[in-house]
Amino acid sequence: MNDAEHLPLYKIGAVLGRLMNFVGQESRIFWRFLLAILLIAGASLPAASHAKGERFDKECSAVNARLITVAEASLNRKKLEQACVRISGISDGWTLYGSFGDIYRNTDAWEEHRHKRWMAGRIGLRPFPEADDDGDTLPEGGTWSWSRKVPRRVTLIGRLHDCSLDWSRGDPNSDDFEIRMGTGWCHYNSGAVLRPVAIVAESPVKFIRMTGTRARGKYGDVVPLRNDATLTATIMAFLNRLFDAVRRGDRRAVLDLYDYSEIALAPNGIEISEDELAEEADIDPAVSAQHTLKLLFGSPDTPLSRAVRDGAPAVRLFAPRWKTEHEPDAWACWTAARSAEKDWPISSIDAFNVAGRPYACISVVKDSSITGGISVDDTVPYRPWTTVEPTDR
């Protein structure tokens, strides 16, 4: 322990010592007593702990791990660089979220328009130290338990790192200037990342789909579509034609509605070459068209088809809460069941066609170059969310 660690107390003591020269005898006794108390307190205080002073050569364990939240780790990442911490959250892949609400906020719209709130809800996870720098070395079994694309509640001990420090801060005009990109989670993300040294606890957790007006306002990024009569009328006209084509089993009419008029339809469906099968659905039109037909006609359990066959479905239109580049202009969702209003999606992460959902959705983009003025897409989850419906709790 050195004097510098207690400099503020010594400064106070020096000031009190000078004041005693200007007071009476009784006052001096009081001030000397107070000064003694301050000096004793200063001598007994532990050394100040600064995360930046902690080094990797000091073992990080449950004994010296600081208990913090995901939000504290993310927002104070510069002060907590290399800090040994104990932290709990919900893992999904290589990201640790503070809560299910933070998973809902993990969208482009939240990142762009409510960046601090988005940032506060997440940190990254790196492999254990035994893995190499690229994270290619995995434990026996082939994967870390929390990286199985299934949300898990975990408590971890490890060291924090600020991703921004992965970038060199040298003078670009100097000879030794070097740009280094981040590795692992930091290569694609900003913020804080944790390199765990121990798993304290972990357990599977049910991801219950959030519903209702209150949840929409707190966590959602879609709102009811209003004040756009032209877009509303265009979407409803499209849906009416789609519903009619599905009920009639008219695959050709469906392809034409989806602007696949150039795709040939054989008696057994769409003929796709091996080269086309190797393409992603959003790259090759034939693969995408086949995907649409499977959603609508392939199985009676498919949300798109099930919701149409039992009569006129209930329809709700949604718009982005905040307009963001690459976001659809709207989502059209429908259900055959007369579900309560609270069952509709509150977020773009739920505006997907997933088995077990009471509704189906398509995304809509304004496009004046297309007959009808809109292009549509069958929204399929790009993340394998395993959610539980509110009624199945």
Protein backbone atom coordinates (compact mmCIF):
# COMPACT_ATOMS: atom_id res chain seq x y z
CA MET A 1 0.00 0.00 0.00
CA ASN A 2 1.40 3.44 -0.85
CA ASP A 3 0.57 6.97 0.19
CA ALA A 4 -0.80 7.83 -3.22
CA GLU A 5 -3.72 5.49 -2.61
CA HIS A 6 -4.84 7.69 0.32
CA LEU A 7 -3.91 11.07 -1.08
CA PRO A 8 -7.40 12.55 -0.65
CA LEU A 9 -7.35 11.79 3.12
CA TYR A 10 -3.89 13.29 3.57
CA LYS A 11 -4.99 16.43 1.76
CA ILE A 12 -7.93 16.71 4.12
CA GLY A 13 -5.61 16.18 7.08
CA ALA A 14 -3.25 18.91 5.89
CA VAL A 15 -6.12 21.37 5.56
CA LEU A 16 -7.37 20.53 9.07
CA GLY A 17 -3.87 20.94 10.47
CA ARG A 18 -3.64 24.46 9.06
CA LEU A 19 -7.07 25.37 10.38
CA MET A 20 -5.99 24.49 13.92
CA ASN A 21 -3.56 27.42 13.88
CA PHE A 22 -6.50 29.81 13.74
CA VAL A 23 -8.85 28.34 16.38
CA GLY A 24 -8.99 28.26 20.16
CA GLN A 25 -7.69 25.57 22.52
CA GLU A 26 -11.01 23.71 22.87
CA SER A 27 -11.56 23.74 19.15
CA ARG A 28 -8.04 22.44 18.60
CA ILE A 29 -8.78 19.41 20.77
CA PHE A 30 -11.86 18.62 18.65
CA TRP A 31 -10.04 19.07 15.34
CA ARG A 32 -7.07 16.94 16.52
CA PHE A 33 -9.50 14.18 17.47
CA LEU A 34 -11.17 14.37 14.06
CA LEU A 35 -7.79 14.35 12.30
CA ALA A 36 -6.75 11.23 14.21
CA ILE A 37 -9.94 9.45 13.20
CA LEU A 38 -9.33 10.32 9.54
CA LEU A 39 -5.73 9.09 9.63
CA ILE A 40 -6.72 5.80 11.29
CA ALA A 41 -9.46 5.29 8.72
CA GLY A 42 -7.05 6.02 5.91
CA ALA A 43 -4.52 3.51 7.18
CA SER A 44 -7.13 0.77 7.45
CA LEU A 45 -8.77 1.26 4.04
CA PRO A 46 -7.91 -1.35 1.40
CA ALA A 47 -6.10 -0.25 -1.70
CA ALA A 48 -8.36 1.21 -4.34
CA SER A 49 -9.32 -1.36 -6.94
CA HIS A 50 -9.14 -0.20 -10.54
CA ALA A 51 -10.06 -2.68 -13.24
CA LYS A 52 -7.40 -1.31 -15.58
CA GLY A 53 -4.78 -2.22 -12.98
CA GLU A 54 -5.79 -5.87 -12.89
CA ARG A 55 -3.59 -8.16 -14.94
CA PHE A 56 -4.05 -11.56 -16.52
CA ASP A 57 -1.27 -12.96 -14.35
CA LYS A 58 -3.59 -12.52 -11.37
CA GLU A 59 -5.93 -15.48 -11.25
CA CYS A 60 -9.58 -14.73 -11.94
CA SER A 61 -11.78 -16.89 -9.75
CA ALA A 62 -14.92 -16.85 -7.63
CA VAL A 63 -12.85 -15.39 -4.79
CA ASN A 64 -11.98 -12.12 -6.51
CA ALA A 65 -14.73 -11.90 -9.15
CA ARG A 66 -16.83 -8.75 -8.95
CA LEU A 67 -20.60 -9.25 -9.23
CA ILE A 68 -22.00 -7.04 -12.02
CA THR A 69 -24.89 -6.97 -14.47
CA VAL A 70 -24.78 -7.20 -18.26
CA ALA A 71 -25.71 -3.51 -18.47
CA GLU A 72 -22.85 -2.51 -16.14
CA ALA A 73 -20.39 -4.61 -18.12
CA SER A 74 -21.47 -3.08 -21.43
CA LEU A 75 -21.83 0.58 -20.47
CA ASN A 76 -18.70 0.68 -18.26
CA ARG A 77 -16.53 -1.50 -20.48
CA LYS A 78 -13.65 0.98 -20.68
CA LYS A 79 -13.34 1.25 -16.89
CA LEU A 80 -13.76 -2.51 -16.51
CA GLU A 81 -11.12 -3.53 -19.06
CA GLN A 82 -9.60 -6.86 -17.89
CA ALA A 83 -11.75 -6.85 -14.74
CA CYS A 84 -12.51 -10.24 -13.21
CA VAL A 85 -16.30 -10.43 -12.94
CA ARG A 86 -19.19 -12.72 -12.11
CA ILE A 87 -22.12 -12.13 -14.42
CA SER A 88 -25.49 -13.76 -15.12
CA GLY A 89 -27.72 -13.58 -18.16
CA ILE A 90 -29.39 -15.43 -21.00
CA SER A 91 -27.03 -16.79 -23.63
CA ASP A 92 -27.95 -17.23 -27.26
CA GLY A 93 -25.07 -18.30 -29.41
CA TRP A 94 -22.07 -16.16 -28.58
CA THR A 95 -24.07 -13.30 -27.06
CA LEU A 96 -25.10 -12.89 -23.43
CA TYR A 97 -28.27 -10.84 -22.86
CA GLY A 98 -29.41 -9.31 -19.62
CA SER A 99 -33.03 -10.44 -20.09
CA PHE A 100 -35.51 -11.71 -22.65
CA GLY A 101 -36.50 -8.09 -23.18
CA ASP A 102 -32.93 -7.40 -24.30
CA ILE A 103 -33.22 -10.22 -26.84
CA TYR A 104 -36.30 -8.49 -28.22
CA ARG A 105 -34.34 -5.25 -28.41
CA ASN A 106 -31.58 -6.89 -30.43
CA THR A 107 -32.82 -5.58 -33.78
CA ASP A 108 -31.44 -3.10 -36.31
CA ALA A 109 -34.15 -0.60 -35.39
CA TRP A 110 -33.23 -0.60 -31.69
CA GLU A 111 -29.53 -0.43 -32.52
CA GLU A 112 -29.99 2.59 -34.77
CA HIS A 113 -32.63 4.56 -32.89
CA ARG A 114 -32.12 3.56 -29.23
CA HIS A 115 -28.44 2.67 -29.32
CA LYS A 116 -27.64 3.03 -25.62
CA ARG A 117 -30.58 0.86 -24.59
CA TRP A 118 -29.60 -1.70 -27.25
CA MET A 119 -25.96 -1.67 -26.14
CA ALA A 120 -26.85 -2.04 -22.45
CA GLY A 121 -28.61 -5.32 -23.04
CA ARG A 122 -25.79 -7.42 -24.48
CA ILE A 123 -22.16 -8.45 -24.28
CA GLY A 124 -20.22 -11.02 -26.25
CA LEU A 125 -18.80 -14.37 -25.20
CA ARG A 126 -15.43 -15.72 -26.17
CA PRO A 127 -14.19 -19.31 -25.92
CA PHE A 128 -12.42 -20.49 -22.80
CA PRO A 129 -8.66 -19.76 -22.68
CA GLU A 130 -7.96 -23.33 -23.81
CA ALA A 131 -9.41 -22.44 -27.22
CA ASP A 132 -7.23 -20.72 -29.77
CA ASP A 133 -7.63 -17.04 -30.67
CA ASP A 134 -10.07 -17.80 -33.47
CA GLY A 135 -12.26 -19.97 -31.28
CA ASP A 136 -11.74 -22.99 -33.54
CA THR A 137 -10.75 -25.35 -30.74
CA LEU A 138 -13.89 -26.63 -29.07
CA PRO A 139 -14.28 -28.89 -26.04
CA GLU A 140 -15.25 -32.53 -26.28
CA GLY A 141 -18.72 -32.72 -27.78
CA GLY A 142 -18.03 -30.11 -30.45
CA THR A 143 -19.59 -27.00 -28.96
CA TRP A 144 -19.78 -24.87 -25.86
CA SER A 145 -22.97 -25.65 -23.99
CA TRP A 146 -24.34 -22.11 -24.35
CA SER A 147 -23.58 -21.82 -28.07
CA ARG A 148 -26.14 -24.39 -29.21
CA LYS A 149 -28.52 -21.74 -30.55
CA VAL A 150 -30.91 -22.47 -27.70
CA PRO A 151 -31.32 -19.79 -25.02
CA ARG A 152 -29.82 -20.83 -21.68
CA ARG A 153 -29.60 -19.04 -18.36
CA VAL A 154 -25.95 -18.96 -17.32
CA THR A 155 -23.72 -17.53 -14.61
CA LEU A 156 -20.11 -17.09 -15.67
CA ILE A 157 -16.83 -15.93 -14.18
CA GLY A 158 -14.32 -14.35 -16.49
CA ARG A 159 -12.49 -11.26 -17.67
CA LEU A 160 -14.04 -8.42 -19.62
CA HIS A 161 -12.59 -6.82 -22.71
CA ASP A 162 -13.56 -3.67 -24.60
CA CYS A 163 -13.79 -4.51 -28.31
CA SER A 164 -12.78 -0.98 -29.28
CA LEU A 165 -9.28 -1.67 -27.93
CA ASP A 166 -8.77 -4.22 -30.70
CA TRP A 167 -8.24 -1.31 -33.07
CA SER A 168 -4.82 0.34 -33.17
CA ARG A 169 -4.88 4.01 -32.12
CA GLY A 170 -1.58 5.07 -33.65
CA ASP A 171 -0.93 8.17 -35.74
CA PRO A 172 -1.90 7.39 -39.35
CA ASN A 173 0.94 9.68 -40.50
CA SER A 174 3.60 7.77 -38.58
CA ASP A 175 5.68 4.85 -39.85
CA ASP A 176 4.46 2.45 -37.15
CA PHE A 177 0.75 3.00 -37.72
CA GLU A 178 -1.12 -0.29 -37.93
CA ILE A 179 -4.79 -1.15 -38.29
CA ARG A 180 -5.79 -4.39 -36.58
CA MET A 181 -9.29 -5.78 -36.84
CA GLY A 182 -11.02 -7.42 -33.92
CA THR A 183 -11.19 -11.20 -33.73
CA GLY A 184 -14.06 -13.46 -32.81
CA TRP A 185 -17.13 -11.67 -31.45
CA CYS A 186 -15.37 -8.29 -31.66
CA HIS A 187 -14.84 -8.73 -35.40
CA TYR A 188 -18.56 -8.29 -36.04
CA ASN A 189 -19.71 -6.42 -32.92
CA SER A 190 -18.87 -3.44 -30.75
CA GLY A 191 -19.10 -3.29 -26.98
CA ALA A 192 -17.84 -5.59 -24.26
CA VAL A 193 -16.92 -9.25 -24.52
CA LEU A 194 -16.32 -11.77 -21.73
CA ARG A 195 -13.72 -14.51 -21.83
CA PRO A 196 -15.03 -17.04 -19.31
CA VAL A 197 -12.78 -19.01 -16.99
CA ALA A 198 -15.57 -20.88 -15.21
CA ILE A 199 -19.25 -21.73 -15.53
CA VAL A 200 -20.92 -21.27 -12.16
CA ALA A 201 -24.38 -22.40 -13.25
CA GLU A 202 -26.38 -23.01 -16.39
CA SER A 203 -29.83 -24.29 -17.19
CA PRO A 204 -32.23 -24.34 -20.15
CA VAL A 205 -34.84 -21.63 -20.13
CA LYS A 206 -38.17 -21.16 -21.88
CA PHE A 207 -38.28 -18.20 -24.22
CA ILE A 208 -41.93 -17.14 -23.91
CA ARG A 209 -43.13 -14.96 -26.75
CA MET A 210 -44.02 -11.49 -25.49
CA THR A 211 -47.42 -10.08 -26.37
CA GLY A 212 -49.65 -7.13 -25.59
CA THR A 213 -49.60 -3.36 -25.80
CA ARG A 214 -47.33 -2.85 -22.79
CA ALA A 215 -44.68 -5.26 -24.08
CA ARG A 216 -44.91 -3.67 -27.53
CA GLY A 217 -44.13 -0.24 -26.11
CA LYS A 218 -41.24 -1.50 -23.99
CA TYR A 219 -39.59 -4.06 -26.26
CA GLY A 220 -41.23 -3.99 -29.69
CA ASP A 221 -40.13 -2.48 -32.98
CA VAL A 222 -43.40 -2.83 -34.94
CA VAL A 223 -46.60 -0.86 -34.46
CA PRO A 224 -50.05 -0.98 -36.10
CA LEU A 225 -49.98 0.50 -39.61
CA ARG A 226 -51.90 3.78 -39.66
CA ASN A 227 -52.17 6.91 -41.80
CA ASP A 228 -51.25 5.18 -45.05
CA ALA A 229 -54.52 4.41 -46.80
CA THR A 230 -52.85 3.69 -50.15
CA LEU A 231 -50.44 1.09 -48.76
CA THR A 232 -53.20 -0.46 -46.66
CA ALA A 233 -55.51 -0.82 -49.67
CA THR A 234 -52.70 -2.27 -51.80
CA ILE A 235 -51.78 -4.88 -49.19
CA MET A 236 -55.38 -5.91 -48.57
CA ALA A 237 -56.00 -6.32 -52.32
CA PHE A 238 -52.92 -8.55 -52.54
CA LEU A 239 -54.03 -10.65 -49.56
CA ASN A 240 -57.53 -11.16 -50.93
CA ARG A 241 -56.10 -12.46 -54.21
CA LEU A 242 -53.61 -14.64 -52.32
CA PHE A 243 -56.25 -16.16 -50.06
CA ASP A 244 -58.47 -16.91 -53.03
CA ALA A 245 -55.61 -18.56 -54.97
CA VAL A 246 -54.64 -20.76 -52.01
CA ARG A 247 -58.23 -21.92 -51.45
CA ARG A 248 -58.48 -22.85 -55.15
CA GLY A 249 -55.09 -24.58 -55.06
CA ASP A 250 -53.91 -22.34 -57.90
CA ARG A 251 -50.12 -22.45 -57.67
CA ARG A 252 -49.66 -20.51 -60.90
CA ALA A 253 -51.71 -17.60 -59.56
CA VAL A 254 -49.64 -17.57 -56.36
CA LEU A 255 -46.36 -17.42 -58.30
CA ASP A 256 -47.68 -14.56 -60.40
CA LEU A 257 -48.72 -12.67 -57.27
CA TYR A 258 -45.20 -13.07 -55.86
CA ASP A 259 -43.76 -11.72 -59.12
CA TYR A 260 -42.49 -15.14 -60.21
CA SER A 261 -44.26 -14.98 -63.58
CA GLU A 262 -41.08 -16.10 -65.38
CA ILE A 263 -40.77 -19.27 -63.28
CA ALA A 264 -42.03 -22.34 -65.16
CA LEU A 265 -44.40 -24.56 -63.22
CA ALA A 266 -44.24 -28.28 -64.10
CA PRO A 267 -46.92 -30.82 -63.05
CA ASN A 268 -44.73 -31.93 -60.15
CA GLY A 269 -43.82 -28.42 -59.12
CA ILE A 270 -40.88 -26.21 -60.02
CA GLU A 271 -37.99 -27.94 -61.75
CA ILE A 272 -34.75 -26.78 -60.14
CA SER A 273 -31.26 -27.72 -61.25
CA GLU A 274 -28.54 -28.85 -58.86
CA ASP A 275 -26.76 -25.53 -59.35
CA GLU A 276 -29.92 -23.66 -58.38
CA LEU A 277 -30.40 -25.84 -55.30
CA ALA A 278 -26.95 -24.78 -54.14
CA GLU A 279 -28.06 -21.15 -54.09
CA GLU A 280 -29.72 -19.39 -51.19
CA ALA A 281 -33.46 -18.77 -51.48
CA ASP A 282 -32.98 -15.00 -51.56
CA ILE A 283 -30.46 -15.29 -54.44
CA ASP A 284 -32.10 -17.68 -56.88
CA PRO A 285 -35.73 -16.89 -57.83
CA ALA A 286 -36.58 -20.53 -58.57
CA VAL A 287 -35.47 -21.65 -55.11
CA SER A 288 -37.37 -18.79 -53.52
CA ALA A 289 -40.50 -19.60 -55.53
CA GLN A 290 -40.35 -23.25 -54.52
CA HIS A 291 -40.00 -22.18 -50.91
CA THR A 292 -43.16 -20.06 -51.19
CA LEU A 293 -45.18 -22.94 -52.65
CA LYS A 294 -44.03 -25.25 -49.85
CA LEU A 295 -45.13 -22.74 -47.23
CA LEU A 296 -48.55 -22.32 -48.80
CA PHE A 297 -49.28 -25.82 -50.09
CA GLY A 298 -46.68 -28.17 -48.62
CA SER A 299 -48.24 -28.95 -45.25
CA PRO A 300 -51.57 -28.25 -43.56
CA ASP A 301 -49.59 -27.24 -40.46
CA THR A 302 -47.72 -24.47 -42.24
CA PRO A 303 -48.86 -21.15 -40.74
CA LEU A 304 -49.40 -19.50 -44.14
CA SER A 305 -51.68 -22.24 -45.44
CA ARG A 306 -53.48 -23.19 -42.23
CA ALA A 307 -54.59 -19.62 -41.63
CA VAL A 308 -56.19 -19.32 -45.07
CA ARG A 309 -58.16 -22.54 -45.51
CA ASP A 310 -60.73 -22.10 -42.75
CA GLY A 311 -62.53 -19.09 -44.14
CA ALA A 312 -61.72 -15.40 -44.14
CA PRO A 313 -58.83 -14.90 -41.70
CA ALA A 314 -58.43 -11.96 -39.37
CA VAL A 315 -55.74 -9.60 -40.69
CA ARG A 316 -53.52 -7.01 -38.97
CA LEU A 317 -51.02 -4.74 -40.69
CA PHE A 318 -47.89 -3.47 -38.94
CA ALA A 319 -45.28 -0.83 -39.73
CA PRO A 320 -41.75 -0.25 -38.39
CA ARG A 321 -41.70 1.66 -35.12
CA TRP A 322 -38.71 3.57 -36.48
CA LYS A 323 -37.88 3.59 -40.17
CA THR A 324 -34.55 1.90 -40.74
CA GLU A 325 -32.66 1.11 -43.93
CA HIS A 326 -33.37 -2.39 -45.25
CA GLU A 327 -36.47 -2.72 -43.06
CA PRO A 328 -39.75 -3.65 -44.79
CA ASP A 329 -42.35 -0.93 -45.18
CA ALA A 330 -44.93 -3.14 -43.51
CA TRP A 331 -45.82 -6.62 -42.30
CA ALA A 332 -49.15 -8.27 -43.01
CA CYS A 333 -50.18 -10.92 -40.50
CA TRP A 334 -53.29 -13.07 -40.41
CA THR A 335 -54.84 -15.89 -38.42
CA ALA A 336 -57.75 -18.26 -38.87
CA ALA A 337 -58.38 -18.29 -35.14
CA ARG A 338 -60.16 -15.28 -33.74
CA SER A 339 -57.28 -14.63 -31.39
CA ALA A 340 -57.26 -11.83 -28.89
CA GLU A 341 -55.45 -8.68 -29.96
CA LYS A 342 -52.62 -9.44 -27.55
CA ASP A 343 -51.58 -12.50 -29.58
CA TRP A 344 -50.22 -10.51 -32.54
CA PRO A 345 -46.43 -10.02 -32.88
CA ILE A 346 -44.92 -7.05 -31.06
CA SER A 347 -41.56 -7.26 -32.81
CA SER A 348 -39.99 -8.04 -36.16
CA ILE A 349 -38.29 -11.05 -34.51
CA ASP A 350 -41.75 -12.60 -34.10
CA ALA A 351 -43.12 -11.63 -37.53
CA PHE A 352 -42.04 -15.00 -38.89
CA ASN A 353 -43.75 -18.19 -39.99
CA VAL A 354 -42.93 -20.67 -37.26
CA ALA A 355 -44.78 -23.89 -36.48
CA GLY A 356 -47.08 -23.48 -33.51
CA ARG A 357 -47.70 -19.77 -33.98
CA PRO A 358 -51.36 -18.70 -34.18
CA TYR A 359 -50.59 -16.33 -37.07
CA ALA A 360 -48.69 -16.06 -40.35
CA CYS A 361 -46.86 -13.00 -41.71
CA ILE A 362 -45.42 -11.64 -44.92
CA SER A 363 -43.14 -8.63 -45.25
CA VAL A 364 -44.06 -5.86 -47.69
CA VAL A 365 -41.83 -3.40 -49.54
CA LYS A 366 -43.14 -0.58 -51.73
CA ASP A 367 -41.94 -1.07 -55.30
CA SER A 368 -43.49 0.98 -58.08
CA SER A 369 -41.70 -1.10 -60.73
CA ILE A 370 -43.81 -4.16 -59.88
CA THR A 371 -47.41 -4.71 -60.89
CA GLY A 372 -49.47 -3.89 -57.83
CA GLY A 373 -46.84 -1.55 -56.40
CA ILE A 374 -45.44 -3.86 -53.71
CA SER A 375 -43.05 -6.78 -53.40
CA VAL A 376 -43.71 -9.37 -50.72
CA ASP A 377 -41.67 -12.02 -48.99
CA ASP A 378 -42.58 -14.98 -46.80
CA THR A 379 -40.72 -14.11 -43.63
CA VAL A 380 -38.81 -17.08 -42.32
CA PRO A 381 -36.72 -16.83 -39.14
CA TYR A 382 -33.07 -16.16 -39.79
CA ARG A 383 -32.44 -17.14 -36.17
CA PRO A 384 -33.84 -20.42 -34.86
CA TRP A 385 -35.84 -18.91 -32.02
CA THR A 386 -37.37 -21.62 -29.89
CA THR A 387 -40.25 -19.78 -28.31
CA VAL A 388 -43.13 -20.91 -26.17
CA GLU A 389 -46.53 -19.44 -26.87
CA PRO A 390 -48.05 -17.46 -23.98
CA THR A 391 -50.95 -19.93 -23.78
CA ASP A 392 -48.51 -22.84 -23.35
CA ARG A 393 -46.88 -21.58 -20.18
